[in-house]
Amino acid sequence: MQNKHAFRSKIFKALGHPSRILLVDALLQGARCVCELRELVNADVSTVSKHLSVLREAGVVDCEKRGANVYYSLRMECVRGFLACVDRFNARRAEEHACLLCKGVESQERESKFGE
């Protein structure tokens, strides 16, 4: 059995590309065929298939052949919560950054008004 840290690293590496995050976001809504995912990512089928292969090998997604199409679905449901956590963190960070910018503007206005 892989050690815990190596396994975690494999998951994070699989999620470490913007196109793969986009694919996972789409799969949060349910199973999709490669043709739908290709349009979403705006890449050729081989590129999308490679990204999906990385996600599948890490255990993040599953695939199922239905007729002529291959459908992918999210296997690792906890990714949903993780991505939601990342989004909340990013929103807080943006708010903090906006507050710092506001404080910087207020400070500059005060300096120009009072010649500080």
PDB file of N, CA and C in Angstrom:
ATOM      1  N   MET A   1       0.841  -1.198   0.000  1.00  0.00           N
ATOM      2  CA  MET A   1       0.000   0.000   0.000  1.00  0.00           C
ATOM      3  C   MET A   1       0.878   1.252   0.000  1.00  0.00           C
ATOM      4  N   GLN A   2       0.456   2.235  -0.803  1.00  0.00           N
ATOM      5  CA  GLN A   2       1.205   3.484  -0.860  1.00  0.00           C
ATOM      6  C   GLN A   2       1.167   4.173   0.490  1.00  0.00           C
ATOM      7  N   ASN A   3       2.207   4.915   0.756  1.00  0.00           N
ATOM      8  CA  ASN A   3       2.148   5.671   1.995  1.00  0.00           C
ATOM      9  C   ASN A   3       1.192   6.850   1.817  1.00  0.00           C
ATOM     10  N   LYS A   4       0.638   7.294   2.923  1.00  0.00           N
ATOM     11  CA  LYS A   4      -0.411   8.314   2.925  1.00  0.00           C
ATOM     12  C   LYS A   4       0.016   9.589   2.198  1.00  0.00           C
ATOM     13  N   HIS A   5       1.234  10.015   2.422  1.00  0.00           N
ATOM     14  CA  HIS A   5       1.695  11.274   1.830  1.00  0.00           C
ATOM     15  C   HIS A   5       1.890  11.158   0.323  1.00  0.00           C
ATOM     16  N   ALA A   6       2.369  10.024  -0.121  1.00  0.00           N
ATOM     17  CA  ALA A   6       2.529   9.805  -1.566  1.00  0.00           C
ATOM     18  C   ALA A   6       1.168   9.787  -2.248  1.00  0.00           C
ATOM     19  N   PHE A   7       0.194   9.161  -1.608  1.00  0.00           N
ATOM     20  CA  PHE A   7      -1.153   9.111  -2.174  1.00  0.00           C
ATOM     21  C   PHE A   7      -1.763  10.513  -2.254  1.00  0.00           C
ATOM     22  N   ARG A   8      -1.627  11.281  -1.174  1.00  0.00           N
ATOM     23  CA  ARG A   8      -2.142  12.658  -1.179  1.00  0.00           C
ATOM     24  C   ARG A   8      -1.475  13.474  -2.276  1.00  0.00           C
ATOM     25  N   SER A   9      -0.175  13.308  -2.402  1.00  0.00           N
ATOM     26  CA  SER A   9       0.571  14.030  -3.426  1.00  0.00           C
ATOM     27  C   SER A   9       0.049  13.701  -4.821  1.00  0.00           C
ATOM     28  N   LYS A  10      -0.261  12.440  -5.056  1.00  0.00           N
ATOM     29  CA  LYS A  10      -0.786  12.020  -6.357  1.00  0.00           C
ATOM     30  C   LYS A  10      -2.125  12.707  -6.649  1.00  0.00           C
ATOM     31  N   ILE A  11      -2.968  12.821  -5.640  1.00  0.00           N
ATOM     32  CA  ILE A  11      -4.264  13.493  -5.801  1.00  0.00           C
ATOM     33  C   ILE A  11      -4.046  14.965  -6.142  1.00  0.00           C
ATOM     34  N   PHE A  12      -3.193  15.638  -5.368  1.00  0.00           N
ATOM     35  CA  PHE A  12      -2.959  17.059  -5.617  1.00  0.00           C
ATOM     36  C   PHE A  12      -2.312  17.295  -6.978  1.00  0.00           C
ATOM     37  N   LYS A  13      -1.418  16.416  -7.388  1.00  0.00           N
ATOM     38  CA  LYS A  13      -0.824  16.541  -8.724  1.00  0.00           C
ATOM     39  C   LYS A  13      -1.892  16.385  -9.800  1.00  0.00           C
ATOM     40  N   ALA A  14      -2.795  15.436  -9.593  1.00  0.00           N
ATOM     41  CA  ALA A  14      -3.868  15.228 -10.574  1.00  0.00           C
ATOM     42  C   ALA A  14      -4.757  16.458 -10.677  1.00  0.00           C
ATOM     43  N   LEU A  15      -4.966  17.138  -9.572  1.00  0.00           N
ATOM     44  CA  LEU A  15      -5.806  18.340  -9.565  1.00  0.00           C
ATOM     45  C   LEU A  15      -5.009  19.599  -9.908  1.00  0.00           C
ATOM     46  N   GLY A  16      -3.722  19.446 -10.173  1.00  0.00           N
ATOM     47  CA  GLY A  16      -2.831  20.580 -10.334  1.00  0.00           C
ATOM     48  C   GLY A  16      -2.784  21.226 -11.705  1.00  0.00           C
ATOM     49  N   HIS A  17      -3.825  21.121 -12.479  1.00  0.00           N
ATOM     50  CA  HIS A  17      -3.868  21.770 -13.797  1.00  0.00           C
ATOM     51  C   HIS A  17      -5.235  22.426 -13.962  1.00  0.00           C
ATOM     52  N   PRO A  18      -5.277  23.685 -14.416  1.00  0.00           N
ATOM     53  CA  PRO A  18      -6.570  24.377 -14.556  1.00  0.00           C
ATOM     54  C   PRO A  18      -7.596  23.620 -15.399  1.00  0.00           C
ATOM     55  N   SER A  19      -7.153  22.955 -16.454  1.00  0.00           N
ATOM     56  CA  SER A  19      -8.106  22.205 -17.284  1.00  0.00           C
ATOM     57  C   SER A  19      -8.703  21.030 -16.521  1.00  0.00           C
ATOM     58  N   ARG A  20      -7.890  20.401 -15.682  1.00  0.00           N
ATOM     59  CA  ARG A  20      -8.421  19.271 -14.910  1.00  0.00           C
ATOM     60  C   ARG A  20      -9.392  19.754 -13.839  1.00  0.00           C
ATOM     61  N   ILE A  21      -9.131  20.901 -13.257  1.00  0.00           N
ATOM     62  CA  ILE A  21     -10.084  21.477 -12.290  1.00  0.00           C
ATOM     63  C   ILE A  21     -11.387  21.814 -13.008  1.00  0.00           C
ATOM     64  N   LEU A  22     -11.295  22.356 -14.202  1.00  0.00           N
ATOM     65  CA  LEU A  22     -12.491  22.654 -15.000  1.00  0.00           C
ATOM     66  C   LEU A  22     -13.283  21.376 -15.276  1.00  0.00           C
ATOM     67  N   LEU A  23     -12.591  20.308 -15.612  1.00  0.00           N
ATOM     68  CA  LEU A  23     -13.254  19.023 -15.851  1.00  0.00           C
ATOM     69  C   LEU A  23     -13.942  18.520 -14.581  1.00  0.00           C
ATOM     70  N   VAL A  24     -13.248  18.604 -13.458  1.00  0.00           N
ATOM     71  CA  VAL A  24     -13.837  18.164 -12.187  1.00  0.00           C
ATOM     72  C   VAL A  24     -15.053  19.017 -11.848  1.00  0.00           C
ATOM     73  N   ASP A  25     -14.953  20.333 -12.050  1.00  0.00           N
ATOM     74  CA  ASP A  25     -16.107  21.214 -11.813  1.00  0.00           C
ATOM     75  C   ASP A  25     -17.313  20.765 -12.629  1.00  0.00           C
ATOM     76  N   ALA A  26     -17.085  20.415 -13.879  1.00  0.00           N
ATOM     77  CA  ALA A  26     -18.181  19.957 -14.740  1.00  0.00           C
ATOM     78  C   ALA A  26     -18.761  18.651 -14.221  1.00  0.00           C
ATOM     79  N   LEU A  27     -17.900  17.773 -13.739  1.00  0.00           N
ATOM     80  CA  LEU A  27     -18.362  16.470 -13.253  1.00  0.00           C
ATOM     81  C   LEU A  27     -19.068  16.565 -11.904  1.00  0.00           C
ATOM     82  N   LEU A  28     -18.916  17.688 -11.220  1.00  0.00           N
ATOM     83  CA  LEU A  28     -19.674  17.902  -9.982  1.00  0.00           C
ATOM     84  C   LEU A  28     -21.172  17.925 -10.269  1.00  0.00           C
ATOM     85  N   GLN A  29     -21.537  18.267 -11.507  1.00  0.00           N
ATOM     86  CA  GLN A  29     -22.943  18.330 -11.911  1.00  0.00           C
ATOM     87  C   GLN A  29     -23.479  16.976 -12.359  1.00  0.00           C
ATOM     88  N   GLY A  30     -22.597  16.007 -12.539  1.00  0.00           N
ATOM     89  CA  GLY A  30     -23.013  14.676 -12.977  1.00  0.00           C
ATOM     90  C   GLY A  30     -22.129  14.155 -14.096  1.00  0.00           C
ATOM     91  N   ALA A  31     -22.391  12.919 -14.489  1.00  0.00           N
ATOM     92  CA  ALA A  31     -21.582  12.261 -15.521  1.00  0.00           C
ATOM     93  C   ALA A  31     -21.692  12.996 -16.851  1.00  0.00           C
ATOM     94  N   ARG A  32     -20.582  13.019 -17.562  1.00  0.00           N
ATOM     95  CA  ARG A  32     -20.537  13.656 -18.882  1.00  0.00           C
ATOM     96  C   ARG A  32     -19.692  12.810 -19.822  1.00  0.00           C
ATOM     97  N   CYS A  33     -20.047  12.870 -21.102  1.00  0.00           N
ATOM     98  CA  CYS A  33     -19.243  12.145 -22.089  1.00  0.00           C
ATOM     99  C   CYS A  33     -18.040  13.000 -22.491  1.00  0.00           C
ATOM    100  N   VAL A  34     -17.053  12.341 -23.043  1.00  0.00           N
ATOM    101  CA  VAL A  34     -15.828  13.027 -23.449  1.00  0.00           C
ATOM    102  C   VAL A  34     -16.138  14.149 -24.433  1.00  0.00           C
ATOM    103  N   CYS A  35     -17.103  13.934 -25.327  1.00  0.00           N
ATOM    104  CA  CYS A  35     -17.433  14.965 -26.322  1.00  0.00           C
ATOM    105  C   CYS A  35     -17.929  16.247 -25.641  1.00  0.00           C
ATOM    106  N   GLU A  36     -18.731  16.130 -24.593  1.00  0.00           N
ATOM    107  CA  GLU A  36     -19.199  17.312 -23.853  1.00  0.00           C
ATOM    108  C   GLU A  36     -18.033  17.996 -23.147  1.00  0.00           C
ATOM    109  N   LEU A  37     -17.181  17.197 -22.539  1.00  0.00           N
ATOM    110  CA  LEU A  37     -16.045  17.749 -21.805  1.00  0.00           C
ATOM    111  C   LEU A  37     -15.056  18.412 -22.751  1.00  0.00           C
ATOM    112  N   ARG A  38     -14.899  17.869 -23.948  1.00  0.00           N
ATOM    113  CA  ARG A  38     -14.004  18.452 -24.946  1.00  0.00           C
ATOM    114  C   ARG A  38     -14.450  19.864 -25.294  1.00  0.00           C
ATOM    115  N   GLU A  39     -15.753  20.036 -25.494  1.00  0.00           N
ATOM    116  CA  GLU A  39     -16.290  21.360 -25.819  1.00  0.00           C
ATOM    117  C   GLU A  39     -16.067  22.336 -24.668  1.00  0.00           C
ATOM    118  N   LEU A  40     -16.235  21.852 -23.466  1.00  0.00           N
ATOM    119  CA  LEU A  40     -16.075  22.690 -22.284  1.00  0.00           C
ATOM    120  C   LEU A  40     -14.646  23.205 -22.146  1.00  0.00           C
ATOM    121  N   VAL A  41     -13.694  22.316 -22.342  1.00  0.00           N
ATOM    122  CA  VAL A  41     -12.282  22.670 -22.191  1.00  0.00           C
ATOM    123  C   VAL A  41     -11.740  23.351 -23.443  1.00  0.00           C
ATOM    124  N   ASN A  42     -12.457  23.190 -24.561  1.00  0.00           N
ATOM    125  CA  ASN A  42     -12.044  23.749 -25.846  1.00  0.00           C
ATOM    126  C   ASN A  42     -10.664  23.224 -26.255  1.00  0.00           C
ATOM    127  N   ALA A  43     -10.554  21.901 -26.208  1.00  0.00           N
ATOM    128  CA  ALA A  43      -9.304  21.236 -26.588  1.00  0.00           C
ATOM    129  C   ALA A  43      -9.657  20.003 -27.411  1.00  0.00           C
ATOM    130  N   ASP A  44      -8.657  19.444 -28.062  1.00  0.00           N
ATOM    131  CA  ASP A  44      -8.928  18.245 -28.858  1.00  0.00           C
ATOM    132  C   ASP A  44      -9.160  17.044 -27.939  1.00  0.00           C
ATOM    133  N   VAL A  45      -9.758  16.021 -28.501  1.00  0.00           N
ATOM    134  CA  VAL A  45     -10.144  14.835 -27.732  1.00  0.00           C
ATOM    135  C   VAL A  45      -8.938  14.192 -27.048  1.00  0.00           C
ATOM    136  N   SER A  46      -7.802  14.143 -27.733  1.00  0.00           N
ATOM    137  CA  SER A  46      -6.630  13.487 -27.132  1.00  0.00           C
ATOM    138  C   SER A  46      -6.142  14.236 -25.890  1.00  0.00           C
ATOM    139  N   THR A  47      -6.191  15.562 -25.920  1.00  0.00           N
ATOM    140  CA  THR A  47      -5.776  16.356 -24.757  1.00  0.00           C
ATOM    141  C   THR A  47      -6.723  16.130 -23.588  1.00  0.00           C
ATOM    142  N   VAL A  48      -8.022  16.170 -23.867  1.00  0.00           N
ATOM    143  CA  VAL A  48      -9.023  15.951 -22.818  1.00  0.00           C
ATOM    144  C   VAL A  48      -8.890  14.537 -22.262  1.00  0.00           C
ATOM    145  N   SER A  49      -8.691  13.571 -23.139  1.00  0.00           N
ATOM    146  CA  SER A  49      -8.533  12.182 -22.699  1.00  0.00           C
ATOM    147  C   SER A  49      -7.313  12.016 -21.802  1.00  0.00           C
ATOM    148  N   LYS A  50      -6.233  12.717 -22.118  1.00  0.00           N
ATOM    149  CA  LYS A  50      -5.028  12.655 -21.282  1.00  0.00           C
ATOM    150  C   LYS A  50      -5.317  13.222 -19.894  1.00  0.00           C
ATOM    151  N   HIS A  51      -5.986  14.368 -19.833  1.00  0.00           N
ATOM    152  CA  HIS A  51      -6.341  14.961 -18.538  1.00  0.00           C
ATOM    153  C   HIS A  51      -7.236  14.015 -17.741  1.00  0.00           C
ATOM    154  N   LEU A  52      -8.215  13.429 -18.407  1.00  0.00           N
ATOM    155  CA  LEU A  52      -9.125  12.502 -17.730  1.00  0.00           C
ATOM    156  C   LEU A  52      -8.385  11.253 -17.259  1.00  0.00           C
ATOM    157  N   SER A  53      -7.409  10.820 -18.023  1.00  0.00           N
ATOM    158  CA  SER A  53      -6.606   9.659 -17.641  1.00  0.00           C
ATOM    159  C   SER A  53      -5.830   9.929 -16.352  1.00  0.00           C
ATOM    160  N   VAL A  54      -5.264  11.125 -16.246  1.00  0.00           N
ATOM    161  CA  VAL A  54      -4.534  11.508 -15.029  1.00  0.00           C
ATOM    162  C   VAL A  54      -5.483  11.493 -13.832  1.00  0.00           C
ATOM    163  N   LEU A  55      -6.677  12.057 -14.021  1.00  0.00           N
ATOM    164  CA  LEU A  55      -7.668  12.078 -12.941  1.00  0.00           C
ATOM    165  C   LEU A  55      -8.134  10.666 -12.584  1.00  0.00           C
ATOM    166  N   ARG A  56      -8.295   9.834 -13.581  1.00  0.00           N
ATOM    167  CA  ARG A  56      -8.749   8.458 -13.343  1.00  0.00           C
ATOM    168  C   ARG A  56      -7.685   7.648 -12.606  1.00  0.00           C
ATOM    169  N   GLU A  57      -6.435   7.782 -13.029  1.00  0.00           N
ATOM    170  CA  GLU A  57      -5.342   7.047 -12.381  1.00  0.00           C
ATOM    171  C   GLU A  57      -5.180   7.438 -10.914  1.00  0.00           C
ATOM    172  N   ALA A  58      -5.522   8.681 -10.595  1.00  0.00           N
ATOM    173  CA  ALA A  58      -5.438   9.144  -9.205  1.00  0.00           C
ATOM    174  C   ALA A  58      -6.670   8.744  -8.400  1.00  0.00           C
ATOM    175  N   GLY A  59      -7.692   8.236  -9.079  1.00  0.00           N
ATOM    176  CA  GLY A  59      -8.908   7.825  -8.386  1.00  0.00           C
ATOM    177  C   GLY A  59      -9.933   8.920  -8.209  1.00  0.00           C
ATOM    178  N   VAL A  60      -9.718  10.055  -8.863  1.00  0.00           N
ATOM    179  CA  VAL A  60     -10.636  11.188  -8.722  1.00  0.00           C
ATOM    180  C   VAL A  60     -11.910  10.959  -9.527  1.00  0.00           C
ATOM    181  N   VAL A  61     -11.785  10.350 -10.704  1.00  0.00           N
ATOM    182  CA  VAL A  61     -12.946  10.102 -11.563  1.00  0.00           C
ATOM    183  C   VAL A  61     -13.011   8.631 -11.966  1.00  0.00           C
ATOM    184  N   ASP A  62     -14.182   8.223 -12.389  1.00  0.00           N
ATOM    185  CA  ASP A  62     -14.427   6.897 -12.957  1.00  0.00           C
ATOM    186  C   ASP A  62     -14.921   7.084 -14.380  1.00  0.00           C
ATOM    187  N   CYS A  63     -14.817   6.041 -15.177  1.00  0.00           N
ATOM    188  CA  CYS A  63     -15.375   6.102 -16.523  1.00  0.00           C
ATOM    189  C   CYS A  63     -16.204   4.861 -16.796  1.00  0.00           C
ATOM    190  N   GLU A  64     -17.138   5.031 -17.721  1.00  0.00           N
ATOM    191  CA  GLU A  64     -18.039   3.942 -18.099  1.00  0.00           C
ATOM    192  C   GLU A  64     -18.367   4.092 -19.575  1.00  0.00           C
ATOM    193  N   LYS A  65     -18.216   3.015 -20.313  1.00  0.00           N
ATOM    194  CA  LYS A  65     -18.544   3.036 -21.737  1.00  0.00           C
ATOM    195  C   LYS A  65     -20.040   2.786 -21.894  1.00  0.00           C
ATOM    196  N   ARG A  66     -20.696   3.687 -22.620  1.00  0.00           N
ATOM    197  CA  ARG A  66     -22.123   3.557 -22.927  1.00  0.00           C
ATOM    198  C   ARG A  66     -22.280   3.672 -24.438  1.00  0.00           C
ATOM    199  N   GLY A  67     -22.446   2.554 -25.077  1.00  0.00           N
ATOM    200  CA  GLY A  67     -22.524   2.557 -26.537  1.00  0.00           C
ATOM    201  C   GLY A  67     -21.196   2.990 -27.113  1.00  0.00           C
ATOM    202  N   ALA A  68     -21.245   4.013 -27.964  1.00  0.00           N
ATOM    203  CA  ALA A  68     -20.027   4.507 -28.610  1.00  0.00           C
ATOM    204  C   ALA A  68     -19.304   5.549 -27.761  1.00  0.00           C
ATOM    205  N   ASN A  69     -19.927   6.004 -26.675  1.00  0.00           N
ATOM    206  CA  ASN A  69     -19.353   7.082 -25.865  1.00  0.00           C
ATOM    207  C   ASN A  69     -18.799   6.579 -24.541  1.00  0.00           C
ATOM    208  N   VAL A  70     -17.822   7.316 -24.041  1.00  0.00           N
ATOM    209  CA  VAL A  70     -17.276   7.059 -22.711  1.00  0.00           C
ATOM    210  C   VAL A  70     -17.722   8.208 -21.819  1.00  0.00           C
ATOM    211  N   TYR A  71     -18.351   7.851 -20.706  1.00  0.00           N
ATOM    212  CA  TYR A  71     -18.834   8.842 -19.751  1.00  0.00           C
ATOM    213  C   TYR A  71     -17.952   8.827 -18.510  1.00  0.00           C
ATOM    214  N   TYR A  72     -17.657  10.021 -18.023  1.00  0.00           N
ATOM    215  CA  TYR A  72     -16.857  10.170 -16.813  1.00  0.00           C
ATOM    216  C   TYR A  72     -17.733  10.725 -15.706  1.00  0.00           C
ATOM    217  N   SER A  73     -17.441  10.294 -14.488  1.00  0.00           N
ATOM    218  CA  SER A  73     -18.158  10.789 -13.314  1.00  0.00           C
ATOM    219  C   SER A  73     -17.159  10.957 -12.172  1.00  0.00           C
ATOM    220  N   LEU A  74     -17.545  11.770 -11.222  1.00  0.00           N
ATOM    221  CA  LEU A  74     -16.701  12.008 -10.059  1.00  0.00           C
ATOM    222  C   LEU A  74     -16.738  10.781  -9.151  1.00  0.00           C
ATOM    223  N   ARG A  75     -15.595  10.269  -8.824  1.00  0.00           N
ATOM    224  CA  ARG A  75     -15.500   9.120  -7.918  1.00  0.00           C
ATOM    225  C   ARG A  75     -15.202   9.589  -6.498  1.00  0.00           C
ATOM    226  N   MET A  76     -14.338  10.571  -6.395  1.00  0.00           N
ATOM    227  CA  MET A  76     -13.892  11.071  -5.099  1.00  0.00           C
ATOM    228  C   MET A  76     -14.782  12.252  -4.702  1.00  0.00           C
ATOM    229  N   GLU A  77     -15.915  11.944  -4.101  1.00  0.00           N
ATOM    230  CA  GLU A  77     -16.915  12.969  -3.769  1.00  0.00           C
ATOM    231  C   GLU A  77     -16.380  14.051  -2.839  1.00  0.00           C
ATOM    232  N   CYS A  78     -15.384  13.723  -2.035  1.00  0.00           N
ATOM    233  CA  CYS A  78     -14.861  14.721  -1.096  1.00  0.00           C
ATOM    234  C   CYS A  78     -14.187  15.888  -1.822  1.00  0.00           C
ATOM    235  N   VAL A  79     -13.882  15.719  -3.104  1.00  0.00           N
ATOM    236  CA  VAL A  79     -13.303  16.815  -3.891  1.00  0.00           C
ATOM    237  C   VAL A  79     -14.276  17.992  -3.932  1.00  0.00           C
ATOM    238  N   ARG A  80     -15.570  17.696  -3.927  1.00  0.00           N
ATOM    239  CA  ARG A  80     -16.601  18.739  -3.925  1.00  0.00           C
ATOM    240  C   ARG A  80     -16.400  19.681  -2.731  1.00  0.00           C
ATOM    241  N   GLY A  81     -16.263  19.106  -1.545  1.00  0.00           N
ATOM    242  CA  GLY A  81     -16.060  19.900  -0.335  1.00  0.00           C
ATOM    243  C   GLY A  81     -14.731  20.631  -0.344  1.00  0.00           C
ATOM    244  N   PHE A  82     -13.701  19.967  -0.858  1.00  0.00           N
ATOM    245  CA  PHE A  82     -12.386  20.591  -0.919  1.00  0.00           C
ATOM    246  C   PHE A  82     -12.412  21.818  -1.824  1.00  0.00           C
ATOM    247  N   LEU A  83     -13.013  21.681  -3.007  1.00  0.00           N
ATOM    248  CA  LEU A  83     -13.077  22.816  -3.935  1.00  0.00           C
ATOM    249  C   LEU A  83     -13.934  23.939  -3.366  1.00  0.00           C
ATOM    250  N   ALA A  84     -15.006  23.597  -2.656  1.00  0.00           N
ATOM    251  CA  ALA A  84     -15.837  24.618  -2.006  1.00  0.00           C
ATOM    252  C   ALA A  84     -15.019  25.354  -0.946  1.00  0.00           C
ATOM    253  N   CYS A  85     -14.205  24.622  -0.209  1.00  0.00           N
ATOM    254  CA  CYS A  85     -13.330  25.229   0.797  1.00  0.00           C
ATOM    255  C   CYS A  85     -12.330  26.179   0.137  1.00  0.00           C
ATOM    256  N   VAL A  86     -11.739  25.751  -0.959  1.00  0.00           N
ATOM    257  CA  VAL A  86     -10.786  26.590  -1.697  1.00  0.00           C
ATOM    258  C   VAL A  86     -11.479  27.862  -2.185  1.00  0.00           C
ATOM    259  N   ASP A  87     -12.707  27.729  -2.697  1.00  0.00           N
ATOM    260  CA  ASP A  87     -13.453  28.896  -3.183  1.00  0.00           C
ATOM    261  C   ASP A  87     -13.753  29.876  -2.049  1.00  0.00           C
ATOM    262  N   ARG A  88     -14.142  29.353  -0.871  1.00  0.00           N
ATOM    263  CA  ARG A  88     -14.410  30.228   0.282  1.00  0.00           C
ATOM    264  C   ARG A  88     -13.136  30.943   0.712  1.00  0.00           C
ATOM    265  N   PHE A  89     -12.037  30.214   0.749  1.00  0.00           N
ATOM    266  CA  PHE A  89     -10.759  30.811   1.124  1.00  0.00           C
ATOM    267  C   PHE A  89     -10.379  31.916   0.145  1.00  0.00           C
ATOM    268  N   ASN A  90     -10.548  31.652  -1.141  1.00  0.00           N
ATOM    269  CA  ASN A  90     -10.213  32.632  -2.168  1.00  0.00           C
ATOM    270  C   ASN A  90     -11.085  33.881  -2.047  1.00  0.00           C
ATOM    271  N   ALA A  91     -12.369  33.700  -1.746  1.00  0.00           N
ATOM    272  CA  ALA A  91     -13.271  34.842  -1.577  1.00  0.00           C
ATOM    273  C   ALA A  91     -12.837  35.690  -0.383  1.00  0.00           C
ATOM    274  N   ARG A  92     -12.484  35.033   0.726  1.00  0.00           N
ATOM    275  CA  ARG A  92     -12.006  35.776   1.906  1.00  0.00           C
ATOM    276  C   ARG A  92     -10.722  36.527   1.582  1.00  0.00           C
ATOM    277  N   ARG A  93      -9.849  35.872   0.851  1.00  0.00           N
ATOM    278  CA  ARG A  93      -8.587  36.511   0.475  1.00  0.00           C
ATOM    279  C   ARG A  93      -8.834  37.742  -0.392  1.00  0.00           C
ATOM    280  N   ALA A  94      -9.783  37.634  -1.314  1.00  0.00           N
ATOM    281  CA  ALA A  94     -10.120  38.774  -2.178  1.00  0.00           C
ATOM    282  C   ALA A  94     -10.686  39.919  -1.345  1.00  0.00           C
ATOM    283  N   GLU A  95     -11.536  39.584  -0.359  1.00  0.00           N
ATOM    284  CA  GLU A  95     -12.086  40.617   0.525  1.00  0.00           C
ATOM    285  C   GLU A  95     -10.976  41.295   1.317  1.00  0.00           C
ATOM    286  N   GLU A  96     -10.061  40.501   1.858  1.00  0.00           N
ATOM    287  CA  GLU A  96      -8.945  41.061   2.619  1.00  0.00           C
ATOM    288  C   GLU A  96      -8.093  41.964   1.740  1.00  0.00           C
ATOM    289  N   HIS A  97      -7.858  41.539   0.513  1.00  0.00           N
ATOM    290  CA  HIS A  97      -7.069  42.340  -0.422  1.00  0.00           C
ATOM    291  C   HIS A  97      -7.791  43.655  -0.722  1.00  0.00           C
ATOM    292  N   ALA A  98      -9.110  43.581  -0.931  1.00  0.00           N
ATOM    293  CA  ALA A  98      -9.892  44.793  -1.194  1.00  0.00           C
ATOM    294  C   ALA A  98      -9.834  45.730   0.003  1.00  0.00           C
ATOM    295  N   CYS A  99      -9.903  45.174   1.216  1.00  0.00           N
ATOM    296  CA  CYS A  99      -9.816  46.000   2.424  1.00  0.00           C
ATOM    297  C   CYS A  99      -8.466  46.689   2.516  1.00  0.00           C
ATOM    298  N   LEU A 100      -7.411  45.955   2.200  1.00  0.00           N
ATOM    299  CA  LEU A 100      -6.074  46.552   2.222  1.00  0.00           C
ATOM    300  C   LEU A 100      -5.966  47.673   1.202  1.00  0.00           C
ATOM    301  N   LEU A 101      -6.553  47.463   0.025  1.00  0.00           N
ATOM    302  CA  LEU A 101      -6.535  48.513  -0.996  1.00  0.00           C
ATOM    303  C   LEU A 101      -7.306  49.731  -0.522  1.00  0.00           C
ATOM    304  N   CYS A 102      -8.468  49.495   0.111  1.00  0.00           N
ATOM    305  CA  CYS A 102      -9.266  50.612   0.634  1.00  0.00           C
ATOM    306  C   CYS A 102      -8.489  51.371   1.694  1.00  0.00           C
ATOM    307  N   LYS A 103      -7.839  50.652   2.588  1.00  0.00           N
ATOM    308  CA  LYS A 103      -7.049  51.302   3.636  1.00  0.00           C
ATOM    309  C   LYS A 103      -5.901  52.078   3.023  1.00  0.00           C
ATOM    310  N   GLY A 104      -5.315  51.541   1.966  1.00  0.00           N
ATOM    311  CA  GLY A 104      -4.234  52.238   1.284  1.00  0.00           C
ATOM    312  C   GLY A 104      -4.717  53.523   0.645  1.00  0.00           C
ATOM    313  N   VAL A 105      -5.907  53.514   0.041  1.00  0.00           N
ATOM    314  CA  VAL A 105      -6.493  54.710  -0.567  1.00  0.00           C
ATOM    315  C   VAL A 105      -6.828  55.720   0.512  1.00  0.00           C
ATOM    316  N   GLU A 106      -7.433  55.247   1.623  1.00  0.00           N
ATOM    317  CA  GLU A 106      -7.768  56.148   2.726  1.00  0.00           C
ATOM    318  C   GLU A 106      -6.515  56.804   3.278  1.00  0.00           C
ATOM    319  N   SER A 107      -5.451  56.022   3.413  1.00  0.00           N
ATOM    320  CA  SER A 107      -4.196  56.541   3.930  1.00  0.00           C
ATOM    321  C   SER A 107      -3.618  57.587   2.981  1.00  0.00           C
ATOM    322  N   GLN A 108      -3.677  57.321   1.676  1.00  0.00           N
ATOM    323  CA  GLN A 108      -3.170  58.279   0.697  1.00  0.00           C
ATOM    324  C   GLN A 108      -4.003  59.552   0.703  1.00  0.00           C
ATOM    325  N   GLU A 109      -5.334  59.419   0.826  1.00  0.00           N
ATOM    326  CA  GLU A 109      -6.209  60.590   0.871  1.00  0.00           C
ATOM    327  C   GLU A 109      -5.907  61.431   2.102  1.00  0.00           C
ATOM    328  N   ARG A 110      -5.712  60.757   3.239  1.00  0.00           N
ATOM    329  CA  ARG A 110      -5.424  61.462   4.483  1.00  0.00           C
ATOM    330  C   ARG A 110      -4.085  62.181   4.365  1.00  0.00           C
ATOM    331  N   GLU A 111      -3.102  61.515   3.775  1.00  0.00           N
ATOM    332  CA  GLU A 111      -1.785  62.124   3.611  1.00  0.00           C
ATOM    333  C   GLU A 111      -1.859  63.354   2.719  1.00  0.00           C
ATOM    334  N   SER A 112      -2.620  63.273   1.632  1.00  0.00           N
ATOM    335  CA  SER A 112      -2.709  64.418   0.729  1.00  0.00           C
ATOM    336  C   SER A 112      -3.544  65.537   1.345  1.00  0.00           C
ATOM    337  N   LYS A 113      -4.531  65.192   2.150  1.00  0.00           N
ATOM    338  CA  LYS A 113      -5.405  66.183   2.776  1.00  0.00           C
ATOM    339  C   LYS A 113      -4.687  66.917   3.900  1.00  0.00           C
ATOM    340  N   PHE A 114      -3.922  66.177   4.694  1.00  0.00           N
ATOM    341  CA  PHE A 114      -3.280  66.765   5.859  1.00  0.00           C
ATOM    342  C   PHE A 114      -1.781  66.945   5.686  1.00  0.00           C
ATOM    343  N   GLY A 115      -1.278  66.595   4.545  1.00  0.00           N
ATOM    344  CA  GLY A 115       0.144  66.754   4.268  1.00  0.00           C
ATOM    345  C   GLY A 115       1.032  65.901   5.152  1.00  0.00           C
ATOM    346  N   GLU A 116       0.525  64.724   5.518  1.00  0.00           N
ATOM    347  CA  GLU A 116       1.296  63.823   6.389  1.00  0.00           C
ATOM    348  C   GLU A 116       2.423  63.175   5.642  1.00  0.00           C
TER     349      GLU A 116
END
